[in-house]
Amino acid sequence: MATHEKLNVNEASKEELTQIPGMGDKTAQAIIEFRENHGWIDDISELEDAEQINPRDIDRLREWLTTGEEDKEEGDEGEEEW
């Protein structure tokens, strides 16, 4: 289990993304461009389609990134959608 706070891939800045160990400027920029071109990222595995993201790195990214959906689901207990 991760001992650090995960970054929301849908909201993180390039500067925040480059704080992830092993992530450089090009990869962080690729994530931002993917997000801008494709909209909200529902699952980290979607990043496999982004330039500069190696599919074998997706599992490592899961340790550092969240889509925000996990937080939303935890906070919505007992609430109805309309």
Protein backbone atom coordinates (compact mmCIF):
# COMPACT_ATOMS: atom_id res chain seq x y z
CA MET A 1 0.00 0.00 0.00
CA ALA A 2 1.24 3.47 -0.84
CA THR A 3 2.50 5.58 2.04
CA HIS A 4 2.12 8.83 0.14
CA GLU A 5 -0.78 10.92 -1.05
CA LYS A 6 -1.75 10.18 -4.63
CA LEU A 7 -2.09 12.94 -7.20
CA ASN A 8 -5.33 13.32 -9.12
CA VAL A 9 -4.32 12.75 -12.75
CA ASN A 10 -7.25 14.92 -13.86
CA GLU A 11 -6.11 17.94 -11.87
CA ALA A 12 -2.35 17.67 -11.27
CA SER A 13 -0.07 20.28 -12.78
CA LYS A 14 3.06 19.46 -14.74
CA GLU A 15 5.13 20.51 -11.73
CA GLU A 16 3.22 18.15 -9.46
CA LEU A 17 3.48 15.26 -11.92
CA THR A 18 7.26 15.67 -12.22
CA GLN A 19 7.53 15.06 -8.48
CA ILE A 20 6.67 11.40 -9.15
CA PRO A 21 9.93 9.42 -9.03
CA GLY A 22 11.14 8.67 -12.53
CA MET A 23 8.69 11.00 -14.29
CA GLY A 24 10.31 13.63 -16.44
CA ASP A 25 8.98 16.75 -18.10
CA LYS A 26 8.08 14.98 -21.36
CA THR A 27 5.99 12.32 -19.66
CA ALA A 28 4.23 14.86 -17.44
CA GLN A 29 3.48 17.01 -20.48
CA ALA A 30 2.18 13.95 -22.35
CA ILE A 31 -0.27 13.26 -19.51
CA ILE A 32 -1.50 16.84 -19.55
CA GLU A 33 -1.88 16.86 -23.34
CA PHE A 34 -3.72 13.55 -23.24
CA ARG A 35 -6.06 14.92 -20.59
CA GLU A 36 -6.68 18.10 -22.60
CA ASN A 37 -7.36 16.17 -25.83
CA HIS A 38 -9.40 13.29 -24.41
CA GLY A 39 -11.16 14.79 -21.43
CA TRP A 40 -11.62 13.27 -17.99
CA ILE A 41 -9.52 10.18 -17.31
CA ASP A 42 -11.69 7.51 -15.68
CA ASP A 43 -8.97 4.89 -15.29
CA ILE A 44 -5.20 5.16 -15.18
CA SER A 45 -4.98 2.45 -17.86
CA GLU A 46 -6.27 5.04 -20.36
CA LEU A 47 -2.80 6.58 -20.23
CA GLU A 48 -1.55 3.64 -22.31
CA ASP A 49 -2.81 5.63 -25.30
CA ALA A 50 -0.82 8.75 -24.40
CA GLU A 51 2.42 9.61 -26.16
CA GLN A 52 5.51 9.02 -23.99
CA ILE A 53 3.69 6.56 -21.68
CA ASN A 54 5.02 3.03 -21.83
CA PRO A 55 2.21 0.51 -21.17
CA ARG A 56 4.43 -1.38 -18.73
CA ASP A 57 4.66 1.78 -16.58
CA ILE A 58 0.90 1.92 -15.92
CA ASP A 59 1.13 -0.23 -12.77
CA ARG A 60 3.86 2.02 -11.37
CA LEU A 61 1.73 5.08 -12.12
CA ARG A 62 -1.23 3.56 -10.23
CA GLU A 63 0.90 3.80 -7.09
CA TRP A 64 1.21 7.58 -7.56
CA LEU A 65 -1.95 8.67 -9.41
CA THR A 66 -5.68 8.57 -8.83
CA THR A 67 -8.53 9.57 -11.13
CA GLY A 68 -10.46 11.17 -8.29
CA GLU A 69 -13.24 8.61 -8.71
CA GLU A 70 -11.96 6.65 -5.72
CA ASP A 71 -12.31 9.70 -3.48
CA LYS A 72 -15.72 10.51 -4.94
CA GLU A 73 -17.04 7.00 -4.27
CA GLU A 74 -15.83 7.05 -0.67
CA GLY A 75 -17.41 10.46 -0.03
CA ASP A 76 -20.74 9.64 -1.68
CA GLU A 77 -21.85 6.92 0.71
CA GLY A 78 -25.50 7.37 1.50
CA GLU A 79 -26.03 10.06 -1.14
CA GLU A 80 -28.41 9.59 -4.04
CA GLU A 81 -27.68 10.71 -7.57
CA TRP A 82 -30.32 12.72 -9.39
